C-alpha atoms as a PDB file:
ATOM      1  CA  MET A   1     -89.191 -21.849   7.715  1.00  0.00           C
ATOM      2  CA  LEU A   2     -86.297 -22.503   5.361  1.00  0.00           C
ATOM      3  CA  VAL A   3     -85.652 -18.798   5.012  1.00  0.00           C
ATOM      4  CA  LEU A   4     -85.608 -18.311   8.768  1.00  0.00           C
ATOM      5  CA  ALA A   5     -83.240 -21.243   9.208  1.00  0.00           C
ATOM      6  CA  ALA A   6     -80.813 -19.853   6.571  1.00  0.00           C
ATOM      7  CA  ALA A   7     -80.914 -16.399   8.135  1.00  0.00           C
ATOM      8  CA  ALA A   8     -80.181 -17.878  11.554  1.00  0.00           C
ATOM      9  CA  ALA A   9     -77.216 -19.853  10.194  1.00  0.00           C
ATOM     10  CA  ILE A  10     -75.714 -16.758   8.555  1.00  0.00           C
ATOM     11  CA  PHE A  11     -76.156 -14.750  11.733  1.00  0.00           C
ATOM     12  CA  LEU A  12     -74.430 -17.389  13.845  1.00  0.00           C
ATOM     13  CA  TRP A  13     -71.497 -17.701  11.326  1.00  0.00           C
ATOM     14  CA  ARG A  14     -70.847 -13.971  11.284  1.00  0.00           C
ATOM     15  CA  SER A  15     -71.185 -13.614  15.069  1.00  0.00           C
ATOM     16  CA  GLN A  16     -68.200 -15.958  15.685  1.00  0.00           C
ATOM     17  CA  PRO A  17     -64.872 -14.155  16.513  1.00  0.00           C
ATOM     18  CA  ALA A  18     -62.266 -13.971  13.664  1.00  0.00           C
ATOM     19  CA  ALA A  19     -59.074 -16.057  13.935  1.00  0.00           C
ATOM     20  CA  PRO A  20     -55.975 -13.991  14.860  1.00  0.00           C
ATOM     21  CA  LEU A  21     -53.462 -13.136  12.093  1.00  0.00           C
ATOM     22  CA  ASN A  22     -49.858 -14.322  12.597  1.00  0.00           C
ATOM     23  CA  TYR A  23     -47.034 -12.358  10.843  1.00  0.00           C
ATOM     24  CA  LEU A  24     -43.504 -13.773  10.158  1.00  0.00           C
ATOM     25  CA  THR A  25     -40.878 -11.051  10.364  1.00  0.00           C
ATOM     26  CA  SER A  26     -37.113 -11.038   9.688  1.00  0.00           C
ATOM     27  CA  PRO A  27     -34.459  -8.340  10.059  1.00  0.00           C
ATOM     28  CA  ALA A  28     -33.337  -6.668   6.806  1.00  0.00           C
ATOM     29  CA  GLU A  29     -29.845  -7.697   5.556  1.00  0.00           C
ATOM     30  CA  ILE A  30     -27.594  -6.625   2.622  1.00  0.00           C
ATOM     31  CA  GLY A  31     -26.454  -9.486   0.305  1.00  0.00           C
ATOM     32  CA  ASP A  32     -26.002 -10.683  -3.279  1.00  0.00           C
ATOM     33  CA  MET A  33     -29.006 -11.374  -5.464  1.00  0.00           C
ATOM     34  CA  THR A  34     -28.890 -14.134  -8.060  1.00  0.00           C
ATOM     35  CA  ILE A  35     -31.211 -13.980 -11.038  1.00  0.00           C
ATOM     36  CA  GLU A  36     -31.427 -16.899 -13.451  1.00  0.00           C
ATOM     37  CA  VAL A  37     -32.670 -16.223 -16.982  1.00  0.00           C
ATOM     38  CA  SER A  38     -33.336 -19.046 -19.446  1.00  0.00           C
ATOM     39  CA  ALA A  39     -34.018 -18.636 -23.157  1.00  0.00           C
ATOM     40  CA  THR A  40     -33.974 -20.694 -26.331  1.00  0.00           C
ATOM     41  CA  GLY A  41     -32.838 -19.655 -29.825  1.00  0.00           C
ATOM     42  CA  THR A  42     -29.799 -19.115 -32.043  1.00  0.00           C
ATOM     43  CA  LEU A  43     -26.919 -16.921 -30.944  1.00  0.00           C
ATOM     44  CA  GLN A  44     -25.995 -14.234 -33.443  1.00  0.00           C
ATOM     45  CA  PRO A  45     -22.502 -12.687 -33.457  1.00  0.00           C
ATOM     46  CA  LEU A  46     -22.087  -8.942 -33.082  1.00  0.00           C
ATOM     47  CA  ILE A  47     -19.667  -8.856 -36.040  1.00  0.00           C
ATOM     48  CA  GLN A  48     -19.753 -11.464 -38.797  1.00  0.00           C
ATOM     49  CA  VAL A  49     -17.087 -11.613 -41.532  1.00  0.00           C
ATOM     50  CA  SER A  50     -17.488 -13.776 -44.664  1.00  0.00           C
ATOM     51  CA  ILE A  51     -14.224 -15.354 -45.892  1.00  0.00           C
ATOM     52  CA  SER A  52     -13.848 -16.519 -49.488  1.00  0.00           C
ATOM     53  CA  SER A  53     -11.030 -17.804 -51.682  1.00  0.00           C
ATOM     54  CA  GLU A  54     -10.187 -17.150 -55.316  1.00  0.00           C
ATOM     55  CA  LEU A  55      -9.254 -20.827 -55.686  1.00  0.00           C
ATOM     56  CA  SER A  56     -11.554 -23.801 -55.476  1.00  0.00           C
ATOM     57  CA  GLY A  57     -10.721 -27.364 -54.605  1.00  0.00           C
ATOM     58  CA  ILE A  58     -10.711 -30.020 -51.915  1.00  0.00           C
ATOM     59  CA  VAL A  59      -9.983 -28.756 -48.380  1.00  0.00           C
ATOM     60  CA  ARG A  60      -7.028 -30.748 -47.037  1.00  0.00           C
ATOM     61  CA  SER A  61      -6.928 -29.318 -43.499  1.00  0.00           C
ATOM     62  CA  VAL A  62      -8.666 -26.668 -41.339  1.00  0.00           C
ATOM     63  CA  SER A  63      -6.397 -24.792 -38.912  1.00  0.00           C
ATOM     64  CA  ALA A  64      -9.020 -22.615 -37.151  1.00  0.00           C
ATOM     65  CA  ASP A  65     -11.686 -23.860 -34.765  1.00  0.00           C
ATOM     66  CA  GLU A  66     -15.083 -22.410 -33.920  1.00  0.00           C
ATOM     67  CA  ASN A  67     -14.932 -19.284 -31.690  1.00  0.00           C
ATOM     68  CA  GLN A  68     -11.133 -19.238 -31.978  1.00  0.00           C
ATOM     69  CA  ARG A  69      -9.460 -15.840 -32.145  1.00  0.00           C
ATOM     70  CA  VAL A  70      -7.496 -15.327 -35.343  1.00  0.00           C
ATOM     71  CA  LYS A  71      -5.398 -12.461 -36.615  1.00  0.00           C
ATOM     72  CA  LYS A  72      -4.146 -11.257 -39.962  1.00  0.00           C
ATOM     73  CA  GLY A  73      -1.768 -13.713 -41.579  1.00  0.00           C
ATOM     74  CA  ASP A  74      -3.073 -16.833 -39.793  1.00  0.00           C
ATOM     75  CA  VAL A  75      -3.689 -19.877 -41.982  1.00  0.00           C
ATOM     76  CA  LEU A  76      -7.348 -20.839 -41.707  1.00  0.00           C
ATOM     77  CA  ALA A  77      -7.490 -23.733 -44.162  1.00  0.00           C
ATOM     78  CA  GLU A  78      -5.320 -25.480 -46.755  1.00  0.00           C
ATOM     79  CA  LEU A  79      -6.458 -26.784 -50.141  1.00  0.00           C
ATOM     80  CA  ASP A  80      -5.222 -29.953 -51.789  1.00  0.00           C
ATOM     81  CA  THR A  81      -2.868 -28.725 -54.529  1.00  0.00           C
ATOM     82  CA  ALA A  82      -2.385 -32.064 -56.334  1.00  0.00           C
ATOM     83  CA  LYS A  83      -4.638 -31.055 -59.244  1.00  0.00           C
ATOM     84  CA  LEU A  84      -3.029 -27.619 -59.419  1.00  0.00           C
ATOM     85  CA  ARG A  85       0.439 -29.182 -59.615  1.00  0.00           C
ATOM     86  CA  VAL A  86      -0.730 -31.402 -62.484  1.00  0.00           C
ATOM     87  CA  GLN A  87      -2.078 -28.348 -64.328  1.00  0.00           C
ATOM     88  CA  ILE A  88       1.229 -26.525 -63.796  1.00  0.00           C
ATOM     89  CA  GLU A  89       3.224 -29.491 -65.101  1.00  0.00           C
ATOM     90  CA  ARG A  90       0.979 -29.728 -68.173  1.00  0.00           C
ATOM     91  CA  ALA A  91       1.374 -26.010 -68.835  1.00  0.00           C
ATOM     92  CA  GLN A  92       5.152 -26.267 -68.496  1.00  0.00           C
ATOM     93  CA  ALA A  93       5.214 -29.234 -70.877  1.00  0.00           C
ATOM     94  CA  SER A  94       3.121 -27.264 -73.386  1.00  0.00           C
ATOM     95  CA  VAL A  95       5.570 -24.370 -73.155  1.00  0.00           C
ATOM     96  CA  GLU A  96       8.531 -26.690 -73.765  1.00  0.00           C
ATOM     97  CA  VAL A  97       6.777 -28.243 -76.780  1.00  0.00           C
ATOM     98  CA  ALA A  98       6.041 -24.784 -78.195  1.00  0.00           C
ATOM     99  CA  GLU A  99       9.655 -23.709 -77.677  1.00  0.00           C
ATOM    100  CA  ALA A 100      10.865 -26.855 -79.453  1.00  0.00           C
ATOM    101  CA  GLN A 101       8.519 -26.171 -82.356  1.00  0.00           C
ATOM    102  CA  VAL A 102       9.753 -22.577 -82.606  1.00  0.00           C
ATOM    103  CA  ALA A 103      13.389 -23.753 -82.566  1.00  0.00           C
ATOM    104  CA  SER A 104      12.618 -26.370 -85.219  1.00  0.00           C
ATOM    105  CA  ALA A 105      10.905 -23.766 -87.404  1.00  0.00           C
ATOM    106  CA  LYS A 106      14.008 -21.543 -87.295  1.00  0.00           C
ATOM    107  CA  THR A 107      16.227 -24.313 -88.670  1.00  0.00           C
ATOM    108  CA  SER A 108      16.455 -25.548 -92.244  1.00  0.00           C
ATOM    109  CA  LEU A 109      15.962 -29.169 -91.172  1.00  0.00           C
ATOM    110  CA  ASP A 110      13.075 -30.811 -93.016  1.00  0.00           C
ATOM    111  CA  ASP A 111      12.184 -33.752 -90.798  1.00  0.00           C
ATOM    112  CA  SER A 112       8.446 -34.244 -91.158  1.00  0.00           C
ATOM    113  CA  LEU A 113       8.551 -37.733 -89.634  1.00  0.00           C
ATOM    114  CA  ASP A 114      10.687 -36.661 -86.639  1.00  0.00           C
ATOM    115  CA  VAL A 115      13.325 -39.237 -87.532  1.00  0.00           C
ATOM    116  CA  ILE A 116      16.051 -37.367 -85.674  1.00  0.00           C
ATOM    117  CA  ALA A 117      13.861 -36.739 -82.600  1.00  0.00           C
ATOM    118  CA  ALA A 118      12.486 -40.273 -82.418  1.00  0.00           C
ATOM    119  CA  HIS A 119      15.247 -42.527 -83.759  1.00  0.00           C
ATOM    120  CA  GLY A 120      18.295 -40.282 -83.604  1.00  0.00           C
ATOM    121  CA  VAL A 121      17.934 -38.920 -80.067  1.00  0.00           C
ATOM    122  CA  GLY A 122      16.252 -42.042 -78.692  1.00  0.00           C
ATOM    123  CA  GLY A 123      18.779 -44.417 -80.256  1.00  0.00           C
ATOM    124  CA  THR A 124      21.751 -42.333 -79.124  1.00  0.00           C
ATOM    125  CA  VAL A 125      20.548 -42.095 -75.529  1.00  0.00           C
ATOM    126  CA  GLY A 126      19.711 -45.799 -75.442  1.00  0.00           C
ATOM    127  CA  ALA A 127      23.105 -46.794 -76.850  1.00  0.00           C
ATOM    128  CA  LEU A 128      24.983 -44.630 -74.346  1.00  0.00           C
ATOM    129  CA  LEU A 129      22.920 -45.846 -71.385  1.00  0.00           C
ATOM    130  CA  THR A 130      23.656 -49.410 -72.455  1.00  0.00           C
ATOM    131  CA  GLY A 131      27.250 -48.689 -71.527  1.00  0.00           C
ATOM    132  CA  VAL A 132      26.024 -47.687 -68.061  1.00  0.00           C
ATOM    133  CA  PHE A 133      23.548 -50.450 -67.193  1.00  0.00           C
ATOM    134  CA  ALA A 134      24.963 -53.398 -69.171  1.00  0.00           C
ATOM    135  CA  GLU A 135      25.579 -56.578 -67.153  1.00  0.00           C
ATOM    136  CA  LYS A 136      27.648 -59.460 -68.494  1.00  0.00           C
ATOM    137  CA  ALA A 137      25.580 -61.965 -66.541  1.00  0.00           C
ATOM    138  CA  LEU A 138      22.635 -61.023 -68.747  1.00  0.00           C
ATOM    139  CA  ASN A 139      24.137 -60.122 -72.133  1.00  0.00           C
ATOM    140  CA  GLY A 140      27.160 -62.438 -72.044  1.00  0.00           C
ATOM    141  CA  VAL A 141      29.439 -59.753 -73.575  1.00  0.00           C
ATOM    142  CA  ALA A 142      30.534 -57.043 -71.158  1.00  0.00           C
ATOM    143  CA  ASP A 143      29.614 -55.110 -68.020  1.00  0.00           C
ATOM    144  CA  GLY A 144      28.744 -51.430 -67.921  1.00  0.00           C
ATOM    145  CA  VAL A 145      29.799 -48.545 -65.688  1.00  0.00           C
ATOM    146  CA  LEU A 146      27.579 -49.662 -62.796  1.00  0.00           C
ATOM    147  CA  PHE A 147      29.239 -53.082 -62.795  1.00  0.00           C
ATOM    148  CA  GLY A 148      32.851 -51.955 -62.761  1.00  0.00           C
ATOM    149  CA  ASN A 149      33.597 -51.381 -66.451  1.00  0.00           C
ATOM    150  CA  PRO A 150      33.724 -47.604 -67.188  1.00  0.00           C
ATOM    151  CA  LYS A 151      35.447 -48.221 -70.551  1.00  0.00           C
ATOM    152  CA  GLN A 152      32.211 -49.611 -71.945  1.00  0.00           C
ATOM    153  CA  ILE A 153      30.723 -46.116 -72.147  1.00  0.00           C
ATOM    154  CA  LEU A 154      33.607 -45.143 -74.468  1.00  0.00           C
ATOM    155  CA  VAL A 155      32.906 -48.187 -76.619  1.00  0.00           C
ATOM    156  CA  GLN A 156      29.238 -47.228 -76.868  1.00  0.00           C
ATOM    157  CA  GLY A 157      30.107 -43.626 -77.715  1.00  0.00           C
ATOM    158  CA  THR A 158      32.457 -44.739 -80.489  1.00  0.00           C
ATOM    159  CA  ALA A 159      29.751 -46.992 -81.923  1.00  0.00           C
ATOM    160  CA  VAL A 160      27.241 -44.121 -81.886  1.00  0.00           C
ATOM    161  CA  LEU A 161      29.617 -41.793 -83.757  1.00  0.00           C
ATOM    162  CA  ALA A 162      30.408 -44.514 -86.290  1.00  0.00           C
ATOM    163  CA  ALA A 163      26.692 -45.125 -86.890  1.00  0.00           C
ATOM    164  CA  ILE A 164      26.055 -41.399 -87.395  1.00  0.00           C
ATOM    165  CA  VAL A 165      28.907 -41.026 -89.884  1.00  0.00           C
ATOM    166  CA  TYR A 166      28.029 -44.207 -91.780  1.00  0.00           C
ATOM    167  CA  SER A 167      24.298 -43.427 -92.061  1.00  0.00           C
ATOM    168  CA  GLY A 168      25.013 -39.818 -93.031  1.00  0.00           C
ATOM    169  CA  VAL A 169      27.475 -40.697 -95.818  1.00  0.00           C
ATOM    170  CA  VAL A 170      25.380 -43.545 -97.247  1.00  0.00           C
ATOM    171  CA  SER A 171      22.176 -41.468 -97.137  1.00  0.00           C
ATOM    172  CA  PHE A 172      23.913 -38.565 -98.885  1.00  0.00           C
ATOM    173  CA  VAL A 173      25.164 -40.810-101.680  1.00  0.00           C
ATOM    174  CA  LEU A 174      21.795 -42.521-102.137  1.00  0.00           C
ATOM    175  CA  LEU A 175      19.876 -39.232-102.198  1.00  0.00           C
ATOM    176  CA  LYS A 176      22.249 -37.739-104.783  1.00  0.00           C
ATOM    177  CA  ALA A 177      21.812 -40.811-106.973  1.00  0.00           C
ATOM    178  CA  ILE A 178      18.002 -40.669-106.705  1.00  0.00           C
ATOM    179  CA  ALA A 179      18.014 -36.925-107.469  1.00  0.00           C
ATOM    180  CA  LEU A 180      19.512 -37.684-110.883  1.00  0.00           C
ATOM    181  CA  VAL A 181      16.366 -39.497-112.022  1.00  0.00           C
ATOM    182  CA  MET A 182      13.532 -37.932-109.961  1.00  0.00           C
ATOM    183  CA  PRO A 183      12.934 -34.978-107.636  1.00  0.00           C
ATOM    184  CA  LEU A 184      13.496 -35.653-103.959  1.00  0.00           C
ATOM    185  CA  ARG A 185      10.834 -33.308-102.656  1.00  0.00           C
ATOM    186  CA  ALA A 186       7.226 -32.707-103.561  1.00  0.00           C
ATOM    187  CA  THR A 187       6.142 -29.328-104.828  1.00  0.00           C
ATOM    188  CA  GLY A 188       4.458 -26.777-102.614  1.00  0.00           C
ATOM    189  CA  ASP A 189       1.067 -27.417-104.210  1.00  0.00           C
ATOM    190  CA  GLU A 190       1.411 -31.147-103.666  1.00  0.00           C
ATOM    191  CA  GLU A 191       2.309 -30.619-100.017  1.00  0.00           C
ATOM    192  CA  ALA A 192      -0.683 -28.293 -99.536  1.00  0.00           C
ATOM    193  CA  THR A 193      -3.059 -30.732-101.247  1.00  0.00           C
ATOM    194  CA  GLY A 194      -1.646 -33.839 -99.609  1.00  0.00           C
ATOM    195  CA  LEU A 195       0.678 -36.522-100.935  1.00  0.00           C
ATOM    196  CA  ASP A 196      -2.041 -39.159-100.705  1.00  0.00           C
ATOM    197  CA  ILE A 197      -3.907 -37.380-103.527  1.00  0.00           C
ATOM    198  CA  ALA A 198      -0.812 -36.213-105.447  1.00  0.00           C
ATOM    199  CA  LEU A 199       0.880 -39.621-105.468  1.00  0.00           C
ATOM    200  CA  HIS A 200      -1.950 -42.122-105.043  1.00  0.00           C
ATOM    201  CA  GLY A 201      -4.977 -40.295-106.425  1.00  0.00           C
ATOM    202  CA  GLU A 202      -7.077 -40.828-103.291  1.00  0.00           C
ATOM    203  CA  GLU A 203      -7.509 -39.291 -99.894  1.00  0.00           C
ATOM    204  CA  ALA A 204      -6.834 -41.381 -96.827  1.00  0.00           C
ATOM    205  CA  TYR A 205      -8.917 -39.181 -94.490  1.00  0.00           C
ATOM    206  CA  LEU A 206     -11.750 -37.035 -95.788  1.00  0.00           C
ATOM    207  CA  HIS A 207     -11.712 -33.483 -94.423  1.00  0.00           C
ATOM    208  CA  ASP A 208     -12.670 -29.971 -95.528  1.00  0.00           C
ATOM    209  CA  GLY A 209     -10.553 -28.589 -98.344  1.00  0.00           C
ATOM    210  CA  GLY A 210      -8.941 -31.824 -99.470  1.00  0.00           C
ATOM    211  CA  MET A 211     -11.635 -32.727-101.984  1.00  0.00           C
ATOM    212  CA  GLU A 212     -11.237 -29.436-103.857  1.00  0.00           C
ATOM    213  CA  ALA A 213      -8.006 -30.616-105.529  1.00  0.00           C
ATOM    214  CA  VAL A 214      -9.390 -33.957-106.717  1.00  0.00           C
ATOM    215  CA  THR A 215      -9.936 -34.232-110.471  1.00  0.00           C
ATOM    216  CA  PRO A 216     -13.484 -34.878-111.755  1.00  0.00           C
ATOM    217  CA  ILE A 217     -12.645 -38.498-112.566  1.00  0.00           C
ATOM    218  CA  GLU A 218     -11.318 -39.053-109.077  1.00  0.00           C
ATOM    219  CA  THR A 219     -14.233 -37.158-107.556  1.00  0.00           C
ATOM    220  CA  ASP A 220     -16.655 -39.720-108.972  1.00  0.00           C
ATOM    221  CA  ILE A 221     -15.039 -42.329-106.753  1.00  0.00           C
ATOM    222  CA  PHE A 222     -16.083 -40.449-103.622  1.00  0.00           C
ATOM    223  CA  GLN A 223     -19.592 -39.554-104.738  1.00  0.00           C
ATOM    224  CA  PRO A 224     -22.309 -41.697-103.125  1.00  0.00           C
ATOM    225  CA  VAL A 225     -24.264 -43.929-105.466  1.00  0.00           C
ATOM    226  CA  PRO A 226     -27.750 -42.458-105.886  1.00  0.00           C
ATOM    227  CA  ALA A 227     -30.541 -44.654-104.625  1.00  0.00           C
ATOM    228  CA  PRO A 228     -32.922 -46.039-107.272  1.00  0.00           C
ATOM    229  CA  ALA A 229     -36.098 -44.030-107.674  1.00  0.00           C
ATOM    230  CA  LYS A 230     -39.177 -45.562-106.162  1.00  0.00           C
ATOM    231  CA  SER A 231     -42.549 -45.253-107.886  1.00  0.00           C
ATOM    232  CA  ALA A 232     -45.886 -45.709-106.242  1.00  0.00           C
ATOM    233  CA  ALA A 233     -49.136 -46.550-108.046  1.00  0.00           C
ATOM    234  CA  VAL A 234     -52.092 -44.494-106.910  1.00  0.00           C
ATOM    235  CA  SER A 235     -55.584 -45.748-107.679  1.00  0.00           C
ATOM    236  CA  ILE A 236     -58.590 -43.483-107.625  1.00  0.00           C
END
């Protein structure tokens, strides 16, 4: 019975007429077509140029922006040159010191303590500038060039010349008198060894080479005192 009922239902379902098909039509037209494409990732340039510099330092400013067109000769970035300027000034100062040492070596002046450079030049410049910056309100004597007294620079110059002549003559006389009883200069060996050893028998600063010229008696002063021997009793 169930089989007959199912067969009858299928027969009735298939015997019903099919629903009509409706078609939607439209006339063909010519127009623009828009296609949207979306993607994710990193864009890679067609041409990539790596830029480097022979100098290193702190970047002070950047003149080029991303994707900006640049051409040959354009400034892309500027470095902070403060440290470079300091290095240049130090190098120039070293050159001037070396030139001064070369000039001093070519002269016959024996000034190991730099008396002329320190006291002579410094004292002369200071005395002359006193005639420029002196103020009577402070020193109670006279004004300088900056305070309406240009003659003061002549007074200072005369005093400087007088001091040079006086010190030169007196030093010459004193040195000639001392030379009559003792030599004025140490020998070459004494200078090479060091005047602290030659004159005082001891070395102020220990360094390589200086101890070689010390006599055996003097050498004993610098030798460390040996530590007392320690004995240990071993019991078996």
